[in-house]
Amino acid sequence: MDWSVVAMGCLLVLLSFGYRWWERAKIRKGASPRQGVRFVSIWFPLLMGLGMIIAKVPHMVGAPFAVVMIADSLNGVLAVTAVLVLVVQLGRRAGSGPSAQ
């Protein structure tokens, strides 16, 4: 079960890189970048995938307790950062909507 979580994390990281490459190819062809969904489509899968990998790999390879604690702390910081950036993005999108005059 642990390896399936690591494999899913790797898949999310690769998906994020693939989408970034595809987005850059579209921009080179003349399409305008989609700023509103850029975080959700590129950065969020990357952060989730890295979090899944960091959470499971140290436990699976039998790393020392200090390494496991550092990995868990890094995973917590990564999760909090992803949530805060997502909230800021949603707040910015809600704040820049049509004004009620």
PDB file of N, CA and C in Angstrom:
ATOM      1  N   MET A   1       0.823  -1.199   0.000  1.00  0.00           N
ATOM      2  CA  MET A   1       0.000   0.000   0.000  1.00  0.00           C
ATOM      3  C   MET A   1       0.863   1.257   0.000  1.00  0.00           C
ATOM      4  N   ASP A   2       1.987   1.213   0.722  1.00  0.00           N
ATOM      5  CA  ASP A   2       2.848   2.391   0.771  1.00  0.00           C
ATOM      6  C   ASP A   2       3.445   2.714  -0.592  1.00  0.00           C
ATOM      7  N   TRP A   3       3.817   1.677  -1.334  1.00  0.00           N
ATOM      8  CA  TRP A   3       4.397   1.928  -2.648  1.00  0.00           C
ATOM      9  C   TRP A   3       3.379   2.531  -3.607  1.00  0.00           C
ATOM     10  N   SER A   4       2.121   2.190  -3.434  1.00  0.00           N
ATOM     11  CA  SER A   4       1.109   2.780  -4.317  1.00  0.00           C
ATOM     12  C   SER A   4       0.959   4.276  -4.040  1.00  0.00           C
ATOM     13  N   VAL A   5       1.115   4.690  -2.786  1.00  0.00           N
ATOM     14  CA  VAL A   5       1.060   6.118  -2.456  1.00  0.00           C
ATOM     15  C   VAL A   5       2.258   6.844  -3.069  1.00  0.00           C
ATOM     16  N   VAL A   6       3.435   6.231  -2.978  1.00  0.00           N
ATOM     17  CA  VAL A   6       4.639   6.835  -3.582  1.00  0.00           C
ATOM     18  C   VAL A   6       4.490   6.894  -5.097  1.00  0.00           C
ATOM     19  N   ALA A   7       3.968   5.836  -5.706  1.00  0.00           N
ATOM     20  CA  ALA A   7       3.765   5.835  -7.154  1.00  0.00           C
ATOM     21  C   ALA A   7       2.766   6.910  -7.570  1.00  0.00           C
ATOM     22  N   MET A   8       1.699   7.101  -6.786  1.00  0.00           N
ATOM     23  CA  MET A   8       0.731   8.153  -7.096  1.00  0.00           C
ATOM     24  C   MET A   8       1.357   9.533  -6.947  1.00  0.00           C
ATOM     25  N   GLY A   9       2.218   9.704  -5.943  1.00  0.00           N
ATOM     26  CA  GLY A   9       2.924  10.971  -5.783  1.00  0.00           C
ATOM     27  C   GLY A   9       3.831  11.250  -6.962  1.00  0.00           C
ATOM     28  N   CYS A  10       4.554  10.227  -7.427  1.00  0.00           N
ATOM     29  CA  CYS A  10       5.413  10.398  -8.603  1.00  0.00           C
ATOM     30  C   CYS A  10       4.586  10.726  -9.838  1.00  0.00           C
ATOM     31  N   LEU A  11       3.430  10.089  -9.968  1.00  0.00           N
ATOM     32  CA  LEU A  11       2.549  10.369 -11.095  1.00  0.00           C
ATOM     33  C   LEU A  11       2.059  11.820 -11.062  1.00  0.00           C
ATOM     34  N   LEU A  12       1.720  12.316  -9.881  1.00  0.00           N
ATOM     35  CA  LEU A  12       1.281  13.716  -9.767  1.00  0.00           C
ATOM     36  C   LEU A  12       2.407  14.683 -10.122  1.00  0.00           C
ATOM     37  N   VAL A  13       3.623  14.387  -9.697  1.00  0.00           N
ATOM     38  CA  VAL A  13       4.761  15.250 -10.031  1.00  0.00           C
ATOM     39  C   VAL A  13       4.984  15.245 -11.541  1.00  0.00           C
ATOM     40  N   LEU A  14       4.971  14.072 -12.155  1.00  0.00           N
ATOM     41  CA  LEU A  14       5.150  13.992 -13.606  1.00  0.00           C
ATOM     42  C   LEU A  14       4.007  14.672 -14.352  1.00  0.00           C
ATOM     43  N   LEU A  15       2.793  14.536 -13.849  1.00  0.00           N
ATOM     44  CA  LEU A  15       1.641  15.199 -14.449  1.00  0.00           C
ATOM     45  C   LEU A  15       1.805  16.720 -14.396  1.00  0.00           C
ATOM     46  N   SER A  16       2.306  17.213 -13.288  1.00  0.00           N
ATOM     47  CA  SER A  16       2.523  18.648 -13.141  1.00  0.00           C
ATOM     48  C   SER A  16       3.561  19.151 -14.140  1.00  0.00           C
ATOM     49  N   PHE A  17       4.673  18.414 -14.257  1.00  0.00           N
ATOM     50  CA  PHE A  17       5.707  18.812 -15.221  1.00  0.00           C
ATOM     51  C   PHE A  17       5.196  18.714 -16.650  1.00  0.00           C
ATOM     52  N   GLY A  18       4.406  17.681 -16.945  1.00  0.00           N
ATOM     53  CA  GLY A  18       3.839  17.532 -18.282  1.00  0.00           C
ATOM     54  C   GLY A  18       2.877  18.660 -18.623  1.00  0.00           C
ATOM     55  N   TYR A  19       2.058  19.044 -17.664  1.00  0.00           N
ATOM     56  CA  TYR A  19       1.126  20.148 -17.920  1.00  0.00           C
ATOM     57  C   TYR A  19       1.872  21.460 -18.106  1.00  0.00           C
ATOM     58  N   ARG A  20       2.939  21.657 -17.338  1.00  0.00           N
ATOM     59  CA  ARG A  20       3.732  22.880 -17.486  1.00  0.00           C
ATOM     60  C   ARG A  20       4.364  22.930 -18.869  1.00  0.00           C
ATOM     61  N   TRP A  21       4.897  21.792 -19.338  1.00  0.00           N
ATOM     62  CA  TRP A  21       5.491  21.734 -20.664  1.00  0.00           C
ATOM     63  C   TRP A  21       4.434  22.010 -21.734  1.00  0.00           C
ATOM     64  N   TRP A  22       3.237  21.429 -21.575  1.00  0.00           N
ATOM     65  CA  TRP A  22       2.163  21.627 -22.534  1.00  0.00           C
ATOM     66  C   TRP A  22       1.711  23.090 -22.564  1.00  0.00           C
ATOM     67  N   GLU A  23       1.619  23.707 -21.379  1.00  0.00           N
ATOM     68  CA  GLU A  23       1.215  25.117 -21.290  1.00  0.00           C
ATOM     69  C   GLU A  23       2.239  26.020 -21.986  1.00  0.00           C
ATOM     70  N   ARG A  24       3.531  25.749 -21.788  1.00  0.00           N
ATOM     71  CA  ARG A  24       4.572  26.545 -22.442  1.00  0.00           C
ATOM     72  C   ARG A  24       4.535  26.370 -23.953  1.00  0.00           C
ATOM     73  N   ALA A  25       4.234  25.159 -24.417  1.00  0.00           N
ATOM     74  CA  ALA A  25       4.137  24.921 -25.856  1.00  0.00           C
ATOM     75  C   ALA A  25       2.956  25.694 -26.443  1.00  0.00           C
ATOM     76  N   LYS A  26       1.835  25.747 -25.716  1.00  0.00           N
ATOM     77  CA  LYS A  26       0.686  26.521 -26.192  1.00  0.00           C
ATOM     78  C   LYS A  26       1.004  28.011 -26.229  1.00  0.00           C
ATOM     79  N   ILE A  27       1.750  28.506 -25.234  1.00  0.00           N
ATOM     80  CA  ILE A  27       2.097  29.926 -25.202  1.00  0.00           C
ATOM     81  C   ILE A  27       3.023  30.265 -26.365  1.00  0.00           C
ATOM     82  N   ARG A  28       3.955  29.367 -26.687  1.00  0.00           N
ATOM     83  CA  ARG A  28       4.850  29.603 -27.820  1.00  0.00           C
ATOM     84  C   ARG A  28       4.088  29.674 -29.133  1.00  0.00           C
ATOM     85  N   LYS A  29       2.966  28.964 -29.222  1.00  0.00           N
ATOM     86  CA  LYS A  29       2.155  28.981 -30.439  1.00  0.00           C
ATOM     87  C   LYS A  29       1.254  30.205 -30.511  1.00  0.00           C
ATOM     88  N   GLY A  30       1.216  31.023 -29.462  1.00  0.00           N
ATOM     89  CA  GLY A  30       0.457  32.256 -29.509  1.00  0.00           C
ATOM     90  C   GLY A  30      -0.733  32.329 -28.578  1.00  0.00           C
ATOM     91  N   ALA A  31      -1.020  31.300 -27.836  1.00  0.00           N
ATOM     92  CA  ALA A  31      -2.149  31.341 -26.905  1.00  0.00           C
ATOM     93  C   ALA A  31      -1.766  32.162 -25.673  1.00  0.00           C
ATOM     94  N   SER A  32      -2.738  32.793 -25.069  1.00  0.00           N
ATOM     95  CA  SER A  32      -2.466  33.571 -23.865  1.00  0.00           C
ATOM     96  C   SER A  32      -2.445  32.650 -22.652  1.00  0.00           C
ATOM     97  N   PRO A  33      -1.553  32.909 -21.696  1.00  0.00           N
ATOM     98  CA  PRO A  33      -1.499  32.042 -20.510  1.00  0.00           C
ATOM     99  C   PRO A  33      -2.732  32.214 -19.636  1.00  0.00           C
ATOM    100  N   ARG A  34      -3.169  31.119 -19.041  1.00  0.00           N
ATOM    101  CA  ARG A  34      -4.338  31.160 -18.156  1.00  0.00           C
ATOM    102  C   ARG A  34      -3.834  31.365 -16.734  1.00  0.00           C
ATOM    103  N   GLN A  35      -3.839  32.595 -16.274  1.00  0.00           N
ATOM    104  CA  GLN A  35      -3.276  32.923 -14.973  1.00  0.00           C
ATOM    105  C   GLN A  35      -4.127  32.417 -13.818  1.00  0.00           C
ATOM    106  N   GLY A  36      -5.413  32.358 -13.974  1.00  0.00           N
ATOM    107  CA  GLY A  36      -6.288  31.995 -12.872  1.00  0.00           C
ATOM    108  C   GLY A  36      -6.161  30.552 -12.429  1.00  0.00           C
ATOM    109  N   VAL A  37      -5.930  29.646 -13.356  1.00  0.00           N
ATOM    110  CA  VAL A  37      -5.870  28.229 -13.015  1.00  0.00           C
ATOM    111  C   VAL A  37      -4.437  27.700 -13.001  1.00  0.00           C
ATOM    112  N   ARG A  38      -3.474  28.574 -13.125  1.00  0.00           N
ATOM    113  CA  ARG A  38      -2.081  28.140 -13.188  1.00  0.00           C
ATOM    114  C   ARG A  38      -1.658  27.423 -11.907  1.00  0.00           C
ATOM    115  N   PHE A  39      -2.036  27.935 -10.746  1.00  0.00           N
ATOM    116  CA  PHE A  39      -1.661  27.282  -9.491  1.00  0.00           C
ATOM    117  C   PHE A  39      -2.338  25.927  -9.362  1.00  0.00           C
ATOM    118  N   VAL A  40      -3.606  25.888  -9.654  1.00  0.00           N
ATOM    119  CA  VAL A  40      -4.358  24.653  -9.478  1.00  0.00           C
ATOM    120  C   VAL A  40      -3.871  23.573 -10.439  1.00  0.00           C
ATOM    121  N   SER A  41      -3.535  23.946 -11.656  1.00  0.00           N
ATOM    122  CA  SER A  41      -3.176  22.933 -12.642  1.00  0.00           C
ATOM    123  C   SER A  41      -1.707  22.561 -12.643  1.00  0.00           C
ATOM    124  N   ILE A  42      -0.826  23.420 -12.142  1.00  0.00           N
ATOM    125  CA  ILE A  42       0.603  23.112 -12.172  1.00  0.00           C
ATOM    126  C   ILE A  42       1.162  22.911 -10.774  1.00  0.00           C
ATOM    127  N   TRP A  43       0.981  23.881  -9.903  1.00  0.00           N
ATOM    128  CA  TRP A  43       1.656  23.835  -8.610  1.00  0.00           C
ATOM    129  C   TRP A  43       0.975  22.930  -7.598  1.00  0.00           C
ATOM    130  N   PHE A  44      -0.330  22.882  -7.594  1.00  0.00           N
ATOM    131  CA  PHE A  44      -1.027  22.070  -6.599  1.00  0.00           C
ATOM    132  C   PHE A  44      -0.723  20.578  -6.751  1.00  0.00           C
ATOM    133  N   PRO A  45      -0.769  20.006  -7.980  1.00  0.00           N
ATOM    134  CA  PRO A  45      -0.378  18.592  -8.105  1.00  0.00           C
ATOM    135  C   PRO A  45       1.085  18.351  -7.735  1.00  0.00           C
ATOM    136  N   LEU A  46       1.953  19.316  -8.043  1.00  0.00           N
ATOM    137  CA  LEU A  46       3.359  19.173  -7.685  1.00  0.00           C
ATOM    138  C   LEU A  46       3.532  19.133  -6.171  1.00  0.00           C
ATOM    139  N   LEU A  47       2.886  20.054  -5.468  1.00  0.00           N
ATOM    140  CA  LEU A  47       2.993  20.083  -4.011  1.00  0.00           C
ATOM    141  C   LEU A  47       2.364  18.842  -3.375  1.00  0.00           C
ATOM    142  N   MET A  48       1.231  18.399  -3.902  1.00  0.00           N
ATOM    143  CA  MET A  48       0.596  17.193  -3.365  1.00  0.00           C
ATOM    144  C   MET A  48       1.469  15.963  -3.597  1.00  0.00           C
ATOM    145  N   GLY A  49       2.027  15.847  -4.796  1.00  0.00           N
ATOM    146  CA  GLY A  49       2.878  14.701  -5.105  1.00  0.00           C
ATOM    147  C   GLY A  49       4.127  14.673  -4.248  1.00  0.00           C
ATOM    148  N   LEU A  50       4.770  15.828  -4.084  1.00  0.00           N
ATOM    149  CA  LEU A  50       5.953  15.881  -3.225  1.00  0.00           C
ATOM    150  C   LEU A  50       5.602  15.553  -1.784  1.00  0.00           C
ATOM    151  N   GLY A  51       4.451  16.023  -1.339  1.00  0.00           N
ATOM    152  CA  GLY A  51       4.013  15.709   0.017  1.00  0.00           C
ATOM    153  C   GLY A  51       3.778  14.226   0.215  1.00  0.00           C
ATOM    154  N   MET A  52       3.189  13.571  -0.768  1.00  0.00           N
ATOM    155  CA  MET A  52       2.949  12.134  -0.673  1.00  0.00           C
ATOM    156  C   MET A  52       4.264  11.358  -0.654  1.00  0.00           C
ATOM    157  N   ILE A  53       5.207  11.787  -1.477  1.00  0.00           N
ATOM    158  CA  ILE A  53       6.505  11.103  -1.527  1.00  0.00           C
ATOM    159  C   ILE A  53       7.269  11.317  -0.226  1.00  0.00           C
ATOM    160  N   ILE A  54       7.321  12.560   0.243  1.00  0.00           N
ATOM    161  CA  ILE A  54       8.070  12.874   1.466  1.00  0.00           C
ATOM    162  C   ILE A  54       7.452  12.171   2.674  1.00  0.00           C
ATOM    163  N   ALA A  55       6.143  11.988   2.671  1.00  0.00           N
ATOM    164  CA  ALA A  55       5.481  11.369   3.823  1.00  0.00           C
ATOM    165  C   ALA A  55       5.788   9.875   3.942  1.00  0.00           C
ATOM    166  N   LYS A  56       5.957   9.181   2.834  1.00  0.00           N
ATOM    167  CA  LYS A  56       6.065   7.722   2.890  1.00  0.00           C
ATOM    168  C   LYS A  56       7.488   7.181   2.760  1.00  0.00           C
ATOM    169  N   VAL A  57       8.325   7.794   1.941  1.00  0.00           N
ATOM    170  CA  VAL A  57       9.632   7.205   1.634  1.00  0.00           C
ATOM    171  C   VAL A  57      10.519   7.029   2.868  1.00  0.00           C
ATOM    172  N   PRO A  58      10.687   8.021   3.746  1.00  0.00           N
ATOM    173  CA  PRO A  58      11.568   7.793   4.900  1.00  0.00           C
ATOM    174  C   PRO A  58      11.111   6.629   5.786  1.00  0.00           C
ATOM    175  N   HIS A  59       9.812   6.461   5.959  1.00  0.00           N
ATOM    176  CA  HIS A  59       9.296   5.355   6.760  1.00  0.00           C
ATOM    177  C   HIS A  59       9.600   4.016   6.082  1.00  0.00           C
ATOM    178  N   MET A  60       9.478   3.985   4.760  1.00  0.00           N
ATOM    179  CA  MET A  60       9.641   2.736   4.027  1.00  0.00           C
ATOM    180  C   MET A  60      11.093   2.268   3.958  1.00  0.00           C
ATOM    181  N   VAL A  61      12.029   3.202   3.895  1.00  0.00           N
ATOM    182  CA  VAL A  61      13.437   2.804   3.780  1.00  0.00           C
ATOM    183  C   VAL A  61      14.088   2.613   5.144  1.00  0.00           C
ATOM    184  N   GLY A  62      13.349   2.841   6.208  1.00  0.00           N
ATOM    185  CA  GLY A  62      13.878   2.633   7.548  1.00  0.00           C
ATOM    186  C   GLY A  62      14.878   3.690   7.968  1.00  0.00           C
ATOM    187  N   ALA A  63      14.583   4.920   7.644  1.00  0.00           N
ATOM    188  CA  ALA A  63      15.471   6.029   7.992  1.00  0.00           C
ATOM    189  C   ALA A  63      15.484   6.240   9.512  1.00  0.00           C
ATOM    190  N   PRO A  64      16.547   6.850  10.032  1.00  0.00           N
ATOM    191  CA  PRO A  64      16.588   7.143  11.469  1.00  0.00           C
ATOM    192  C   PRO A  64      15.454   8.089  11.878  1.00  0.00           C
ATOM    193  N   PHE A  65      15.166   8.095  13.164  1.00  0.00           N
ATOM    194  CA  PHE A  65      14.059   8.881  13.699  1.00  0.00           C
ATOM    195  C   PHE A  65      14.191  10.362  13.354  1.00  0.00           C
ATOM    196  N   ALA A  66      15.401  10.900  13.427  1.00  0.00           N
ATOM    197  CA  ALA A  66      15.599  12.326  13.135  1.00  0.00           C
ATOM    198  C   ALA A  66      15.232  12.644  11.687  1.00  0.00           C
ATOM    199  N   VAL A  67      15.593  11.779  10.770  1.00  0.00           N
ATOM    200  CA  VAL A  67      15.265  12.000   9.356  1.00  0.00           C
ATOM    201  C   VAL A  67      13.759  11.920   9.139  1.00  0.00           C
ATOM    202  N   VAL A  68      13.117  10.962   9.799  1.00  0.00           N
ATOM    203  CA  VAL A  68      11.662  10.825   9.675  1.00  0.00           C
ATOM    204  C   VAL A  68      10.965  12.065  10.227  1.00  0.00           C
ATOM    205  N   MET A  69      11.438  12.582  11.348  1.00  0.00           N
ATOM    206  CA  MET A  69      10.828  13.785  11.934  1.00  0.00           C
ATOM    207  C   MET A  69      11.030  15.006  11.040  1.00  0.00           C
ATOM    208  N   ILE A  70      12.218  15.142  10.452  1.00  0.00           N
ATOM    209  CA  ILE A  70      12.470  16.258   9.524  1.00  0.00           C
ATOM    210  C   ILE A  70      11.554  16.144   8.311  1.00  0.00           C
ATOM    211  N   ALA A  71      11.400  14.931   7.776  1.00  0.00           N
ATOM    212  CA  ALA A  71      10.522  14.728   6.619  1.00  0.00           C
ATOM    213  C   ALA A  71       9.067  15.032   6.977  1.00  0.00           C
ATOM    214  N   ASP A  72       8.629  14.608   8.145  1.00  0.00           N
ATOM    215  CA  ASP A  72       7.257  14.899   8.565  1.00  0.00           C
ATOM    216  C   ASP A  72       7.039  16.401   8.764  1.00  0.00           C
ATOM    217  N   SER A  73       8.029  17.071   9.327  1.00  0.00           N
ATOM    218  CA  SER A  73       7.921  18.529   9.503  1.00  0.00           C
ATOM    219  C   SER A  73       7.891  19.241   8.158  1.00  0.00           C
ATOM    220  N   LEU A  74       8.740  18.811   7.240  1.00  0.00           N
ATOM    221  CA  LEU A  74       8.745  19.398   5.906  1.00  0.00           C
ATOM    222  C   LEU A  74       7.419  19.152   5.199  1.00  0.00           C
ATOM    223  N   ASN A  75       6.857  17.980   5.391  1.00  0.00           N
ATOM    224  CA  ASN A  75       5.563  17.666   4.802  1.00  0.00           C
ATOM    225  C   ASN A  75       4.462  18.561   5.376  1.00  0.00           C
ATOM    226  N   GLY A  76       4.517  18.817   6.675  1.00  0.00           N
ATOM    227  CA  GLY A  76       3.540  19.724   7.290  1.00  0.00           C
ATOM    228  C   GLY A  76       3.661  21.143   6.765  1.00  0.00           C
ATOM    229  N   VAL A  77       4.883  21.630   6.639  1.00  0.00           N
ATOM    230  CA  VAL A  77       5.108  22.973   6.093  1.00  0.00           C
ATOM    231  C   VAL A  77       4.625  23.042   4.652  1.00  0.00           C
ATOM    232  N   LEU A  78       4.876  21.997   3.891  1.00  0.00           N
ATOM    233  CA  LEU A  78       4.431  21.948   2.502  1.00  0.00           C
ATOM    234  C   LEU A  78       2.908  21.977   2.405  1.00  0.00           C
ATOM    235  N   ALA A  79       2.241  21.249   3.268  1.00  0.00           N
ATOM    236  CA  ALA A  79       0.775  21.228   3.259  1.00  0.00           C
ATOM    237  C   ALA A  79       0.191  22.588   3.650  1.00  0.00           C
ATOM    238  N   VAL A  80       0.744  23.203   4.688  1.00  0.00           N
ATOM    239  CA  VAL A  80       0.263  24.520   5.122  1.00  0.00           C
ATOM    240  C   VAL A  80       0.506  25.555   4.028  1.00  0.00           C
ATOM    241  N   THR A  81       1.667  25.496   3.391  1.00  0.00           N
ATOM    242  CA  THR A  81       1.974  26.434   2.311  1.00  0.00           C
ATOM    243  C   THR A  81       0.999  26.275   1.157  1.00  0.00           C
ATOM    244  N   ALA A  82       0.700  25.036   0.773  1.00  0.00           N
ATOM    245  CA  ALA A  82      -0.227  24.800  -0.334  1.00  0.00           C
ATOM    246  C   ALA A  82      -1.617  25.335  -0.011  1.00  0.00           C
ATOM    247  N   VAL A  83      -2.076  25.117   1.202  1.00  0.00           N
ATOM    248  CA  VAL A  83      -3.402  25.595   1.591  1.00  0.00           C
ATOM    249  C   VAL A  83      -3.436  27.123   1.628  1.00  0.00           C
ATOM    250  N   LEU A  84      -2.398  27.743   2.194  1.00  0.00           N
ATOM    251  CA  LEU A  84      -2.365  29.209   2.249  1.00  0.00           C
ATOM    252  C   LEU A  84      -2.330  29.834   0.862  1.00  0.00           C
ATOM    253  N   VAL A  85      -1.530  29.281  -0.024  1.00  0.00           N
ATOM    254  CA  VAL A  85      -1.464  29.828  -1.382  1.00  0.00           C
ATOM    255  C   VAL A  85      -2.798  29.631  -2.094  1.00  0.00           C
ATOM    256  N   LEU A  86      -3.441  28.496  -1.881  1.00  0.00           N
ATOM    257  CA  LEU A  86      -4.746  28.260  -2.487  1.00  0.00           C
ATOM    258  C   LEU A  86      -5.782  29.254  -1.969  1.00  0.00           C
ATOM    259  N   VAL A  87      -5.764  29.530  -0.669  1.00  0.00           N
ATOM    260  CA  VAL A  87      -6.701  30.498  -0.084  1.00  0.00           C
ATOM    261  C   VAL A  87      -6.430  31.900  -0.630  1.00  0.00           C
ATOM    262  N   VAL A  88      -5.161  32.266  -0.759  1.00  0.00           N
ATOM    263  CA  VAL A  88      -4.815  33.588  -1.303  1.00  0.00           C
ATOM    264  C   VAL A  88      -5.276  33.694  -2.753  1.00  0.00           C
ATOM    265  N   GLN A  89      -5.060  32.642  -3.536  1.00  0.00           N
ATOM    266  CA  GLN A  89      -5.501  32.654  -4.933  1.00  0.00           C
ATOM    267  C   GLN A  89      -7.019  32.790  -5.033  1.00  0.00           C
ATOM    268  N   LEU A  90      -7.745  32.054  -4.217  1.00  0.00           N
ATOM    269  CA  LEU A  90      -9.209  32.143  -4.251  1.00  0.00           C
ATOM    270  C   LEU A  90      -9.682  33.506  -3.768  1.00  0.00           C
ATOM    271  N   GLY A  91      -9.018  34.048  -2.747  1.00  0.00           N
ATOM    272  CA  GLY A  91      -9.366  35.385  -2.266  1.00  0.00           C
ATOM    273  C   GLY A  91      -9.108  36.452  -3.306  1.00  0.00           C
ATOM    274  N   ARG A  92      -8.003  36.328  -4.006  1.00  0.00           N
ATOM    275  CA  ARG A  92      -7.681  37.293  -5.058  1.00  0.00           C
ATOM    276  C   ARG A  92      -8.694  37.203  -6.194  1.00  0.00           C
ATOM    277  N   ARG A  93      -9.084  35.976  -6.536  1.00  0.00           N
ATOM    278  CA  ARG A  93     -10.065  35.806  -7.608  1.00  0.00           C
ATOM    279  C   ARG A  93     -11.434  36.355  -7.193  1.00  0.00           C
ATOM    280  N   ALA A  94     -11.817  36.144  -5.927  1.00  0.00           N
ATOM    281  CA  ALA A  94     -13.099  36.656  -5.449  1.00  0.00           C
ATOM    282  C   ALA A  94     -13.061  38.176  -5.326  1.00  0.00           C
ATOM    283  N   GLY A  95     -11.922  38.729  -4.959  1.00  0.00           N
ATOM    284  CA  GLY A  95     -11.799  40.171  -4.809  1.00  0.00           C
ATOM    285  C   GLY A  95     -11.744  40.915  -6.123  1.00  0.00           C
ATOM    286  N   SER A  96     -11.330  40.241  -7.191  1.00  0.00           N
ATOM    287  CA  SER A  96     -11.218  40.934  -8.472  1.00  0.00           C
ATOM    288  C   SER A  96     -12.435  40.698  -9.365  1.00  0.00           C
ATOM    289  N   GLY A  97     -13.488  40.162  -8.805  1.00  0.00           N
ATOM    290  CA  GLY A  97     -14.726  39.921  -9.572  1.00  0.00           C
ATOM    291  C   GLY A  97     -15.437  41.222  -9.871  1.00  0.00           C
ATOM    292  N   PRO A  98     -16.572  41.130 -10.548  1.00  0.00           N
ATOM    293  CA  PRO A  98     -17.331  42.351 -10.877  1.00  0.00           C
ATOM    294  C   PRO A  98     -17.822  43.052  -9.618  1.00  0.00           C
ATOM    295  N   SER A  99     -17.680  44.359  -9.610  1.00  0.00           N
ATOM    296  CA  SER A  99     -18.087  45.112  -8.430  1.00  0.00           C
ATOM    297  C   SER A  99     -19.584  45.429  -8.503  1.00  0.00           C
ATOM    298  N   ALA A 100     -20.207  45.422  -7.351  1.00  0.00           N
ATOM    299  CA  ALA A 100     -21.645  45.713  -7.286  1.00  0.00           C
ATOM    300  C   ALA A 100     -21.835  47.197  -7.031  1.00  0.00           C
ATOM    301  N   GLN A 101     -22.105  47.955  -8.065  1.00  0.00           N
ATOM    302  CA  GLN A 101     -22.269  49.401  -7.917  1.00  0.00           C
ATOM    303  C   GLN A 101     -23.704  49.795  -8.028  1.00  0.00           C
TER     304      GLN A 101
END
